[in-house]
């Protein structure tokens, strides 16, 4: 694996842990795709730093559990602003 990919994976992981960011937010911040963020945080990071990978996994799992709630709130806001 190339050095810049390893550095990016660790940097993204630290960002997600510190800010409790979603995959989309991290992708936007670093200017890469959601799938790249996900691959960095799950596959690549588990080889580089298993402890950090576990911490990121916990944040991503919480985000996944809250996903349907966020979607409902966004839809509610959308329709409140239309009327």
Protein backbone atom coordinates (compact mmCIF):
# COMPACT_ATOMS: atom_id res chain seq x y z
CA UNK A 1 0.00 0.00 0.00
CA UNK A 2 1.32 3.46 -0.86
CA UNK A 3 2.34 5.82 1.93
CA UNK A 4 -0.15 8.56 1.07
CA UNK A 5 -3.02 6.06 1.21
CA UNK A 6 -1.94 4.91 4.67
CA UNK A 7 -1.65 8.50 5.88
CA UNK A 8 -5.05 9.38 4.41
CA UNK A 9 -6.70 6.39 6.11
CA UNK A 10 -5.34 7.39 9.53
CA UNK A 11 -6.20 11.06 8.96
CA UNK A 12 -9.78 10.23 7.97
CA UNK A 13 -10.15 7.90 10.96
CA UNK A 14 -8.97 10.57 13.38
CA UNK A 15 -11.35 13.11 11.81
CA UNK A 16 -14.33 10.76 12.12
CA UNK A 17 -13.51 9.92 15.74
CA UNK A 18 -12.95 13.55 16.80
CA UNK A 19 -16.00 15.03 15.09
CA UNK A 20 -18.32 11.98 15.05
CA UNK A 21 -18.66 12.69 11.33
CA UNK A 22 -20.56 10.54 8.88
CA UNK A 23 -18.94 8.90 5.87
CA UNK A 24 -20.51 11.57 3.63
CA UNK A 25 -19.14 14.41 5.76
CA UNK A 26 -15.66 12.89 5.77
CA UNK A 27 -15.77 12.33 2.01
CA UNK A 28 -16.74 15.95 1.42
CA UNK A 29 -14.03 17.25 3.78
CA UNK A 30 -11.25 15.23 2.14
CA UNK A 31 -12.55 15.52 -1.43
CA UNK A 32 -12.86 11.80 -2.06
CA UNK A 33 -15.75 9.40 -2.62
CA UNK A 34 -17.83 7.76 0.09
CA UNK A 35 -16.67 4.33 -1.01
CA UNK A 36 -13.02 5.37 -0.64
CA UNK A 37 -13.68 6.65 2.89
CA UNK A 38 -15.47 3.43 3.76
CA UNK A 39 -12.70 1.25 2.31
CA UNK A 40 -10.03 3.29 4.12
CA UNK A 41 -11.84 3.05 7.46
CA UNK A 42 -12.74 -0.63 7.30
CA UNK A 43 -10.30 -2.62 5.15
CA UNK A 44 -7.09 -0.62 5.03
CA UNK A 45 -7.16 0.72 8.58
CA UNK A 46 -7.69 -2.73 10.10
CA UNK A 47 -4.34 -3.77 8.59
CA UNK A 48 -2.52 -0.59 9.64
CA UNK A 49 -3.92 0.12 13.09
CA UNK A 50 -6.51 -2.33 14.46
CA UNK A 51 -7.18 -0.26 17.59
CA UNK A 52 -7.99 2.86 15.60
CA UNK A 53 -10.10 0.79 13.22
CA UNK A 54 -12.16 -0.46 16.15
CA UNK A 55 -12.80 3.09 17.39
CA UNK A 56 -13.88 4.24 13.92
CA UNK A 57 -16.13 1.20 13.57
CA UNK A 58 -17.95 2.21 16.78
CA UNK A 59 -18.63 5.72 15.44
CA UNK A 60 -19.74 4.39 12.06
CA UNK A 61 -22.07 1.88 13.73
CA UNK A 62 -23.72 4.65 15.76
CA UNK A 63 -24.14 6.71 12.59
CA UNK A 64 -25.69 3.73 10.85
CA UNK A 65 -28.16 3.22 13.70
CA UNK A 66 -29.19 6.89 13.57
CA UNK A 67 -29.40 7.04 9.77
CA UNK A 68 -33.14 6.48 9.50
CA UNK A 69 -33.82 9.16 12.12
CA UNK A 70 -31.68 11.73 10.29
CA UNK A 71 -33.47 10.94 7.04
CA UNK A 72 -36.86 11.44 8.65
CA UNK A 73 -35.82 14.76 10.16
CA UNK A 74 -34.44 15.97 6.84
CA UNK A 75 -37.69 15.08 5.10
CA UNK A 76 -39.69 16.83 7.81
CA UNK A 77 -37.59 19.98 7.43
CA UNK A 78 -38.02 19.88 3.68
CA UNK A 79 -41.80 19.83 3.90
CA UNK A 80 -41.95 22.43 6.69
CA UNK A 81 -40.04 24.89 4.50
CA UNK A 82 -42.26 24.26 1.47
CA UNK A 83 -45.46 25.48 3.12
